[in-house]
N, C-alpha and C. Protein backbone atom coordinates (compact mmCIF):
# COMPACT_ATOMS: atom_id res chain seq x y z
N UNK A 1 0.80 -1.13 -0.13
CA UNK A 1 -0.34 0.01 0.34
C UNK A 1 0.97 1.41 -0.06
N UNK A 2 0.43 2.34 -0.58
CA UNK A 2 1.25 3.50 -0.98
C UNK A 2 0.80 4.28 0.33
N UNK A 3 1.28 5.34 1.17
CA UNK A 3 1.00 6.45 1.70
C UNK A 3 2.42 7.46 2.40
N UNK A 4 2.55 8.24 2.74
CA UNK A 4 3.25 9.39 2.83
C UNK A 4 3.26 9.61 4.33
N UNK A 5 4.62 9.89 4.58
CA UNK A 5 5.29 10.77 5.85
C UNK A 5 5.86 11.94 5.72
N UNK A 6 4.72 13.49 5.67
CA UNK A 6 5.35 14.09 5.15
C UNK A 6 5.65 14.97 3.87
N UNK A 7 4.49 14.14 3.01
CA UNK A 7 4.52 14.18 2.01
C UNK A 7 5.61 13.10 1.14
N UNK A 8 6.22 12.50 1.70
CA UNK A 8 7.33 11.53 1.31
C UNK A 8 6.63 10.45 0.56
N UNK A 9 6.54 9.59 -0.30
CA UNK A 9 5.97 8.55 -0.43
C UNK A 9 6.66 6.95 0.28
N UNK A 10 6.05 6.57 0.90
CA UNK A 10 6.30 5.38 1.58
C UNK A 10 5.15 4.04 1.31
N UNK A 11 5.69 2.96 1.44
CA UNK A 11 4.96 1.66 1.00
C UNK A 11 4.87 0.59 1.98
N UNK A 12 3.90 -0.22 2.54
CA UNK A 12 3.66 -1.03 3.35
C UNK A 12 4.67 -2.52 2.51
N UNK A 13 4.21 -3.16 3.53
CA UNK A 13 4.97 -4.48 3.34
C UNK A 13 3.72 -5.42 2.53
N UNK A 14 2.13 -4.90 2.06
CA UNK A 14 1.11 -5.31 1.69
C UNK A 14 0.05 -4.65 1.64
N UNK A 15 -1.09 -5.65 1.19
CA UNK A 15 -2.28 -4.97 0.72
C UNK A 15 -2.94 -5.45 2.26
N UNK A 16 -3.56 -4.08 3.18
CA UNK A 16 -4.02 -4.66 4.39
C UNK A 16 -5.10 -5.19 3.82
N UNK A 17 -6.12 -5.94 5.07
CA UNK A 17 -7.88 -6.42 4.55
C UNK A 17 -8.60 -5.57 4.76
N UNK A 18 -9.51 -5.92 3.71
CA UNK A 18 -10.68 -4.87 3.33
C UNK A 18 -11.87 -5.71 4.41
N UNK A 19 -12.79 -4.35 4.48
CA UNK A 19 -14.33 -4.41 4.81
C UNK A 19 -14.98 -6.16 4.18
N UNK A 20 -15.03 -7.05 5.78
CA UNK A 20 -15.68 -8.29 5.01
C UNK A 20 -14.53 -9.45 5.21
N UNK A 21 -13.45 -9.11 4.97
CA UNK A 21 -12.33 -9.75 4.89
C UNK A 21 -11.70 -10.06 7.41
N UNK A 22 -11.62 -11.28 6.93
CA UNK A 22 -11.07 -11.53 8.52
C UNK A 22 -9.71 -11.06 9.12
N UNK A 23 -9.69 -10.67 9.80
CA UNK A 23 -8.02 -10.40 10.59
C UNK A 23 -7.07 -11.60 10.38
N UNK A 24 -6.00 -11.56 9.67
CA UNK A 24 -5.05 -12.63 10.01
C UNK A 24 -4.94 -13.09 11.64
N UNK A 25 -4.47 -13.95 11.80
CA UNK A 25 -3.88 -14.31 13.21
C UNK A 25 -2.33 -14.00 13.07
N UNK A 26 -2.40 -12.77 14.52
CA UNK A 26 -1.39 -12.55 14.68
C UNK A 26 -1.40 -12.42 15.97
N UNK A 27 0.03 -12.16 16.80
CA UNK A 27 0.73 -12.10 17.98
C UNK A 27 1.04 -11.06 18.29
N UNK A 28 0.93 -10.27 19.53
CA UNK A 28 1.23 -8.91 20.14
C UNK A 28 1.73 -9.55 21.62
N UNK A 29 2.37 -7.99 22.59
CA UNK A 29 2.58 -8.50 23.58
C UNK A 29 1.43 -7.50 24.55
N UNK A 30 1.07 -7.53 25.44
CA UNK A 30 0.80 -6.72 26.16
C UNK A 30 1.61 -5.97 27.38
N UNK A 31 1.55 -5.06 27.92
CA UNK A 31 2.42 -4.22 28.55
C UNK A 31 3.38 -4.69 29.83
N UNK A 32 2.87 -6.23 30.18
CA UNK A 32 3.03 -6.94 31.05
C UNK A 32 4.34 -8.16 30.18
N UNK A 33 4.02 -7.78 29.25
CA UNK A 33 5.40 -8.59 28.10
C UNK A 33 4.24 -10.42 27.74
N UNK A 34 3.48 -10.49 27.89
CA UNK A 34 2.94 -11.64 27.77
C UNK A 34 2.27 -11.64 26.15
N UNK A 35 2.40 -12.57 25.72
CA UNK A 35 2.34 -12.71 24.30
C UNK A 35 0.66 -12.93 24.03
N UNK A 36 -0.22 -12.35 23.13
CA UNK A 36 -2.00 -12.99 22.81
C UNK A 36 -1.44 -13.17 21.85
N UNK A 37 -2.32 -13.93 21.46
CA UNK A 37 -2.86 -13.87 19.47
C UNK A 37 -4.35 -13.77 19.55
N UNK A 38 -4.32 -13.00 18.17
CA UNK A 38 -5.54 -12.30 17.65
C UNK A 38 -7.21 -12.82 18.56
N UNK A 39 -6.97 -14.07 18.61
CA UNK A 39 -8.00 -15.05 18.83
C UNK A 39 -8.49 -14.63 20.16
N UNK A 40 -7.48 -14.61 21.08
CA UNK A 40 -7.80 -14.08 22.49
C UNK A 40 -7.95 -12.51 22.95
N UNK A 41 -7.87 -11.98 21.94
CA UNK A 41 -7.97 -10.35 22.07
C UNK A 41 -9.26 -9.87 21.62
N UNK A 42 -9.93 -10.74 20.62
CA UNK A 42 -10.86 -10.26 20.22
C UNK A 42 -11.92 -11.12 19.94
N UNK A 43 -13.01 -10.83 21.05
CA UNK A 43 -13.83 -11.47 21.37
C UNK A 43 -15.38 -11.13 21.58
N UNK A 44 -15.18 -9.68 21.22
CA UNK A 44 -16.32 -8.77 21.04
C UNK A 44 -15.92 -7.62 19.86
N UNK A 45 -17.09 -7.20 19.52
CA UNK A 45 -16.58 -5.88 18.78
C UNK A 45 -15.39 -4.78 19.63
N UNK A 46 -14.53 -4.67 18.48
CA UNK A 46 -13.51 -3.98 18.94
C UNK A 46 -12.68 -3.41 18.16
N UNK A 47 -12.34 -1.62 18.56
CA UNK A 47 -11.84 -0.87 18.22
C UNK A 47 -10.05 -1.05 17.85
N UNK A 48 -9.19 -1.19 16.94
CA UNK A 48 -8.22 -1.53 17.08
C UNK A 48 -7.68 0.60 16.41
N UNK A 49 -6.65 0.78 17.10
CA UNK A 49 -6.34 2.03 16.93
C UNK A 49 -4.53 1.45 16.57
N UNK A 50 -4.33 1.88 15.54
CA UNK A 50 -2.85 1.73 15.00
C UNK A 50 -2.13 3.00 14.88
N UNK A 51 -1.07 2.66 15.53
CA UNK A 51 -0.42 4.23 15.68
C UNK A 51 1.37 3.74 15.38
N UNK A 52 2.40 4.65 14.87
CA UNK A 52 3.50 4.40 14.73
C UNK A 52 4.45 4.19 15.57
N UNK A 53 4.40 4.98 16.95
CA UNK A 53 5.38 5.47 17.55
C UNK A 53 4.58 6.20 18.89
N UNK A 54 4.20 5.75 19.73
CA UNK A 54 3.39 6.19 20.92
C UNK A 54 4.12 7.62 21.15
N UNK A 55 5.21 7.71 21.35
CA UNK A 55 5.99 9.20 21.83
C UNK A 55 6.35 9.83 20.61
N UNK A 56 5.55 10.10 19.92
CA UNK A 56 5.47 10.80 18.97
C UNK A 56 3.80 11.82 19.39
N UNK A 57 3.63 13.40 18.96
CA UNK A 57 2.57 13.80 19.28
C UNK A 57 1.41 13.20 18.93
N UNK A 58 1.25 13.14 17.22
CA UNK A 58 -0.13 12.30 16.94
C UNK A 58 -0.86 11.14 17.28
N UNK A 59 0.48 10.32 17.48
CA UNK A 59 -0.09 8.68 18.07
C UNK A 59 -0.57 9.29 19.49
N UNK A 60 0.52 10.20 20.18
CA UNK A 60 -0.18 10.16 21.62
C UNK A 60 -1.69 10.91 21.65
N UNK A 61 -1.70 12.02 21.07
CA UNK A 61 -3.20 12.60 20.71
C UNK A 61 -4.07 11.57 20.71
N UNK A 62 -3.84 10.76 19.33
CA UNK A 62 -4.97 9.83 19.03
C UNK A 62 -5.20 8.82 19.94
N UNK A 63 -4.28 8.25 21.13
CA UNK A 63 -4.81 7.00 21.69
C UNK A 63 -5.40 7.86 23.37
N UNK A 64 -4.80 9.15 23.15
CA UNK A 64 -5.98 9.78 24.42
C UNK A 64 -7.05 10.39 23.98
N UNK A 65 -7.20 10.31 22.48
CA UNK A 65 -8.55 10.83 22.49
C UNK A 65 -9.71 9.40 22.47
N UNK A 66 -9.06 8.53 22.06
CA UNK A 66 -9.86 6.92 22.17
C UNK A 66 -10.41 6.65 23.41
N UNK A 67 -9.09 6.89 24.32
CA UNK A 67 -9.03 6.72 25.79
C UNK A 67 -10.47 7.46 26.44
N UNK A 68 -10.22 8.49 25.80
CA UNK A 68 -11.62 9.32 26.44
C UNK A 68 -13.10 8.98 26.25
N UNK A 69 -12.80 8.22 24.97
CA UNK A 69 -14.21 7.43 24.31
C UNK A 69 -14.44 6.19 25.20
N UNK A 70 -14.05 5.10 25.63
CA UNK A 70 -13.76 4.39 26.41
C UNK A 70 -15.06 3.57 26.88
N UNK A 71 -15.45 4.50 27.78
CA UNK A 71 -16.46 4.21 28.83
C UNK A 71 -17.75 4.31 28.51
N UNK A 72 -18.10 5.32 27.09
CA UNK A 72 -19.35 5.37 26.34
C UNK A 72 -19.75 3.94 25.57
N UNK A 73 -18.78 3.23 25.34
CA UNK A 73 -18.85 2.00 24.78
C UNK A 73 -18.88 0.55 25.70
N UNK A 74 -19.33 -0.02 26.48
CA UNK A 74 -19.20 -1.02 27.41
C UNK A 74 -19.08 -2.53 26.36
N UNK A 75 -19.68 -2.69 25.42
CA UNK A 75 -20.10 -3.56 24.46
C UNK A 75 -18.35 -3.47 23.85
N UNK A 76 -17.62 -2.68 23.83
CA UNK A 76 -16.67 -2.92 22.80
C UNK A 76 -15.46 -2.60 23.53
N UNK A 77 -14.52 -3.25 23.23
CA UNK A 77 -13.04 -3.38 23.29
C UNK A 77 -12.34 -2.29 22.61
N UNK A 78 -11.52 -1.50 22.98
CA UNK A 78 -10.24 -0.78 22.59
C UNK A 78 -9.15 -0.94 23.00
N UNK A 79 -7.96 -0.92 21.92
CA UNK A 79 -6.89 -1.34 21.58
C UNK A 79 -6.26 -0.38 21.04
N UNK A 80 -4.80 0.15 21.50
CA UNK A 80 -3.99 0.85 20.61
C UNK A 80 -2.43 -0.09 20.68
N UNK A 81 -2.02 -0.07 19.05
CA UNK A 81 -0.96 -0.87 18.78
C UNK A 81 -0.06 -0.35 18.22
N UNK A 82 0.63 -0.25 18.88
CA UNK A 82 2.69 0.52 18.14
C UNK A 82 3.58 -0.64 18.18
N UNK A 83 4.62 -0.14 17.45
CA UNK A 83 6.09 -1.17 17.59
C UNK A 83 6.52 -0.92 18.61
N UNK A 84 6.30 0.17 19.50
CA UNK A 84 6.82 0.46 20.84
C UNK A 84 7.30 -1.03 21.44
N UNK A 85 7.88 -0.71 22.67
CA UNK A 85 8.21 -2.12 23.35
C UNK A 85 6.79 -1.97 24.48
N UNK A 86 7.15 -2.59 25.05
CA UNK A 86 5.66 -2.91 26.37
C UNK A 86 6.09 -1.95 27.21
N UNK A 87 7.58 -1.82 27.20
CA UNK A 87 8.39 -0.96 28.61
C UNK A 87 8.26 0.35 27.72
N UNK A 88 8.14 0.87 27.11
CA UNK A 88 7.90 2.15 26.30
C UNK A 88 6.48 2.56 26.50
N UNK A 89 5.88 1.39 25.85
CA UNK A 89 4.10 2.02 26.14
C UNK A 89 3.79 1.71 28.03
N UNK A 90 3.93 1.36 28.87
CA UNK A 90 3.86 1.19 30.22
C UNK A 90 4.26 2.78 30.65
N UNK A 91 5.77 3.03 30.30
CA UNK A 91 5.94 4.24 30.57
C UNK A 91 4.79 5.48 30.05
N UNK A 92 4.97 5.30 28.94
CA UNK A 92 3.80 6.51 28.06
C UNK A 92 2.77 6.55 29.28
N UNK A 93 1.85 5.13 29.42
CA UNK A 93 0.65 5.32 29.81
C UNK A 93 0.48 6.17 31.13
N UNK A 94 1.81 5.83 31.94
CA UNK A 94 2.10 6.02 33.66
C UNK A 94 1.87 7.93 33.18
N UNK A 95 2.99 8.21 32.60
CA UNK A 95 3.59 9.92 32.20
C UNK A 95 1.90 10.12 32.00
N UNK A 96 1.09 9.77 30.90
CA UNK A 96 -0.38 10.72 30.08
C UNK A 96 -1.24 10.12 31.07
N UNK A 97 -1.30 9.26 31.57
CA UNK A 97 -2.47 9.03 32.85
C UNK A 97 -3.37 8.61 32.05
N UNK A 98 -3.18 7.53 31.17
CA UNK A 98 -3.78 6.49 30.29
C UNK A 98 -4.35 5.29 30.79
N UNK A 99 -5.26 5.08 31.13
CA UNK A 99 -5.93 3.84 32.05
C UNK A 99 -6.34 2.71 31.35
N UNK A 100 -7.15 3.51 30.55
CA UNK A 100 -8.25 2.61 29.80
C UNK A 100 -7.91 2.30 28.58
N UNK A 101 -7.15 2.45 28.01
CA UNK A 101 -7.95 1.95 26.35
C UNK A 101 -6.01 0.90 26.73
N UNK A 102 -6.28 -0.48 26.34
CA UNK A 102 -4.75 -0.94 26.38
C UNK A 102 -3.65 -0.43 25.38
N UNK A 103 -2.76 -0.48 25.80
CA UNK A 103 -1.72 -0.78 24.82
C UNK A 103 -1.14 -2.17 24.34
N UNK A 104 -1.09 -2.61 22.90
CA UNK A 104 -0.90 -3.77 22.58
C UNK A 104 0.72 -3.72 21.93
N UNK A 105 1.83 -4.20 22.18
CA UNK A 105 2.95 -3.64 21.51
C UNK A 105 3.37 -4.98 20.43
N UNK A 106 3.85 -4.12 19.19
CA UNK A 106 4.04 -4.74 17.81
C UNK A 106 5.48 -4.90 17.60
N UNK A 107 6.55 -5.20 18.50
CA UNK A 107 7.48 -4.67 18.50
C UNK A 107 8.58 -6.15 17.82
N UNK A 108 7.28 -6.93 18.20
CA UNK A 108 7.91 -8.16 16.81
C UNK A 108 8.05 -7.99 15.46
N UNK A 109 7.21 -6.82 15.01
CA UNK A 109 6.52 -6.80 13.68
C UNK A 109 5.65 -7.76 13.53
N UNK A 110 4.79 -8.39 13.95
CA UNK A 110 3.78 -10.16 13.83
C UNK A 110 2.69 -9.24 13.00
N UNK A 111 2.25 -8.52 13.86
CA UNK A 111 0.95 -7.59 13.63
C UNK A 111 0.98 -6.83 12.21
N UNK A 112 1.76 -5.87 12.13
CA UNK A 112 2.07 -5.32 10.96
C UNK A 112 2.62 -5.98 9.94
N UNK A 113 3.14 -7.04 9.80
CA UNK A 113 3.82 -7.63 8.74
C UNK A 113 2.52 -8.41 8.08
N UNK A 114 1.98 -9.02 9.33
CA UNK A 114 0.37 -10.13 8.66
C UNK A 114 -0.38 -9.08 8.20
N UNK A 115 -0.93 -7.53 8.46
CA UNK A 115 -1.63 -6.99 8.37
C UNK A 115 -1.23 -6.07 6.99
N UNK A 116 0.00 -6.50 6.33
CA UNK A 116 0.50 -5.57 5.24
C UNK A 116 0.43 -4.33 5.81
N UNK A 117 0.83 -3.66 6.92
CA UNK A 117 0.87 -2.41 7.40
C UNK A 117 1.89 -1.93 7.79
N UNK A 118 3.01 -2.81 7.63
CA UNK A 118 4.42 -2.95 8.30
C UNK A 118 5.05 -2.02 7.03
N UNK A 119 6.06 -0.48 7.34
CA UNK A 119 6.74 -0.06 6.50
C UNK A 119 8.30 -0.61 6.83
N UNK A 120 9.04 -1.19 5.97
CA UNK A 120 10.10 -1.47 6.45
C UNK A 120 11.33 -0.36 6.39
N UNK A 121 10.93 0.73 5.78
CA UNK A 121 11.97 1.72 5.43
C UNK A 121 12.06 2.42 6.89
N UNK A 122 10.83 2.83 7.81
CA UNK A 122 10.57 3.51 9.07
C UNK A 122 10.54 2.63 10.54
N UNK A 123 10.32 1.14 10.15
CA UNK A 123 10.58 0.50 11.32
C UNK A 123 8.99 0.39 11.46
N UNK A 124 8.05 0.86 11.42
CA UNK A 124 6.71 1.22 12.06
C UNK A 124 5.84 0.47 11.43
N UNK A 125 4.48 0.58 12.25
CA UNK A 125 3.65 -0.07 11.39
C UNK A 125 2.58 1.31 10.76
N UNK A 126 1.49 1.07 9.86
CA UNK A 126 1.14 2.81 9.24
C UNK A 126 0.06 2.84 9.94
N UNK A 127 -0.07 3.87 9.95
CA UNK A 127 -1.53 4.22 11.25
C UNK A 127 -2.84 4.13 10.94
N UNK A 128 -3.79 3.57 11.32
CA UNK A 128 -5.13 3.16 10.80
C UNK A 128 -5.49 2.52 11.83
N UNK A 129 -7.32 3.13 11.55
CA UNK A 129 -8.22 1.92 12.90
C UNK A 129 -9.32 1.13 12.00
N UNK A 130 -9.36 0.12 12.78
CA UNK A 130 -10.17 -1.08 12.25
C UNK A 130 -11.10 -0.84 13.18
N UNK A 131 -12.20 -1.53 12.95
CA UNK A 131 -13.49 -2.08 13.70
C UNK A 131 -13.75 -3.46 13.19
N UNK A 132 -13.58 -4.49 14.18
CA UNK A 132 -14.12 -5.62 13.85
C UNK A 132 -14.66 -6.48 14.86
N UNK A 133 -16.08 -7.53 14.21
CA UNK A 133 -16.82 -7.74 14.85
C UNK A 133 -16.27 -8.86 16.02
N UNK A 134 -16.90 -9.62 16.99
CA UNK A 134 -16.51 -10.85 17.28
C UNK A 134 -15.86 -11.65 17.18
N UNK A 135 -16.78 -12.31 15.41
CA UNK A 135 -15.56 -13.14 14.62
C UNK A 135 -14.20 -12.64 13.85
N UNK A 136 -14.21 -11.56 14.15
CA UNK A 136 -12.45 -10.88 13.95
C UNK A 136 -12.43 -10.30 12.34
N UNK A 137 -14.06 -10.53 12.06
CA UNK A 137 -14.38 -9.94 10.73
C UNK A 137 -13.89 -8.29 10.39
N UNK A 138 -13.95 -8.10 9.38
CA UNK A 138 -13.17 -6.06 9.36
C UNK A 138 -14.99 -5.97 9.12
N UNK A 139 -15.45 -4.63 10.00
CA UNK A 139 -16.66 -4.41 9.90
C UNK A 139 -16.21 -2.72 9.08
N UNK A 140 -14.92 -2.34 9.87
CA UNK A 140 -14.39 -0.51 9.22
C UNK A 140 -13.44 -0.87 9.50
N UNK A 141 -13.10 0.32 8.47
CA UNK A 141 -11.59 0.24 8.45
C UNK A 141 -10.96 1.54 8.19
N UNK A 142 -10.03 2.44 8.54
CA UNK A 142 -9.39 3.69 7.69
C UNK A 142 -7.74 3.78 7.76
N UNK A 143 -7.37 3.81 6.68
CA UNK A 143 -6.19 3.67 6.55
C UNK A 143 -5.64 5.42 5.87
N UNK A 144 -5.23 5.80 7.10
CA UNK A 144 -4.48 7.04 7.15
C UNK A 144 -3.46 7.18 6.59
N UNK A 145 -3.74 8.06 5.01
CA UNK A 145 -2.60 8.30 4.07
C UNK A 145 -1.45 9.03 3.99
N UNK A 146 -1.35 10.04 4.82
CA UNK A 146 -0.47 10.53 5.43
C UNK A 146 -0.42 10.70 6.86
N UNK A 147 1.01 9.72 7.08
CA UNK A 147 0.78 9.51 8.51
C UNK A 147 1.34 10.75 9.69
N UNK A 148 1.07 11.90 9.33
CA UNK A 148 1.12 12.78 10.42
C UNK A 148 -0.09 13.49 10.26
N UNK A 149 -1.10 12.66 9.89
CA UNK A 149 -2.36 12.67 10.12
C UNK A 149 -3.40 11.92 11.28
N UNK A 150 -3.71 12.66 11.72
CA UNK A 150 -4.96 11.79 12.39
C UNK A 150 -6.33 11.31 11.75
N UNK A 151 -6.16 10.19 12.65
CA UNK A 151 -7.37 9.93 11.82
C UNK A 151 -8.61 10.20 11.89
N UNK A 152 -9.89 9.94 11.73
CA UNK A 152 -11.24 10.49 11.38
C UNK A 152 -11.80 9.87 12.57
N UNK A 153 -11.67 10.59 14.08
CA UNK A 153 -12.35 9.83 15.03
C UNK A 153 -13.11 9.92 14.97
N UNK A 154 -14.68 11.16 14.14
CA UNK A 154 -16.02 10.93 14.57
C UNK A 154 -16.91 9.83 13.66
N UNK A 155 -15.66 9.53 12.68
CA UNK A 155 -16.20 8.61 11.48
C UNK A 155 -16.44 7.53 12.56
N UNK A 156 -15.11 6.98 12.81
CA UNK A 156 -14.96 5.70 13.66
C UNK A 156 -16.21 5.54 15.16
N UNK A 157 -16.23 6.48 15.80
CA UNK A 157 -17.27 6.73 16.93
C UNK A 157 -18.23 6.76 16.11
N UNK A 158 -19.01 7.14 15.02
CA UNK A 158 -20.07 7.22 14.81
C UNK A 158 -20.73 5.78 14.21
N UNK A 159 -19.35 4.69 14.11
CA UNK A 159 -19.85 3.42 13.34
C UNK A 159 -20.13 2.76 14.62
N UNK A 160 -19.19 3.11 15.74
CA UNK A 160 -19.07 2.38 16.76
C UNK A 160 -21.12 2.61 17.46
N UNK A 161 -21.73 4.13 17.64
CA UNK A 161 -22.85 4.20 18.22
C UNK A 161 -23.51 3.48 17.22
N UNK A 162 -23.38 3.10 15.72
CA UNK A 162 -24.59 2.84 14.86
C UNK A 162 -24.63 1.30 15.31
N UNK A 163 -23.67 0.68 15.88
CA UNK A 163 -23.19 -0.82 16.22
C UNK A 163 -24.62 -0.78 17.39
N UNK A 164 -24.93 0.33 18.16
CA UNK A 164 -25.57 0.07 19.23
C UNK A 164 -26.56 -0.16 19.17
N UNK A 165 -27.08 0.42 17.95
CA UNK A 165 -28.60 0.62 17.78
C UNK A 165 -28.85 -0.67 16.61
N UNK A 166 -27.78 -1.39 16.19
CA UNK A 166 -28.26 -2.79 15.10
C UNK A 166 -28.37 -3.79 15.75
N UNK A 167 -28.30 -3.77 17.64
CA UNK A 167 -28.57 -5.22 18.62
C UNK A 167 -30.23 -5.26 18.84
């Protein structure tokens, strides 16, 4: 997939899943360094916010924004995935007082490579938003084309709001 960072072209390692497809079986680490598989994480509707580096301003803003929305969606899990180590993520959460949004580490690059989001030239995953159902099927995606831009929070949250009415 072609994207940009500060208008410089970048390419991910593949094509990400599209709406209607099932997520690939990936592994990530929790902040306690335990390894978890996709099937263990996604057991109900889930929003996954993928950020390149939690220690940068846009990634920090994005994670804090979704952290502030978690309580409105008791039937939805929220995760942020970054290529930072679990220790970096834990330190960031402590510094930024983020306790509700669970951070997951893709420091082994399994998630990014299997999702087609990994950018080899920068060593990070491409910014994106995913909403999947309890069967790990993609029901919403936003692939942010310019890495320095924030995602469309309102569109993702409106999608979650509509899920409430479909029950």
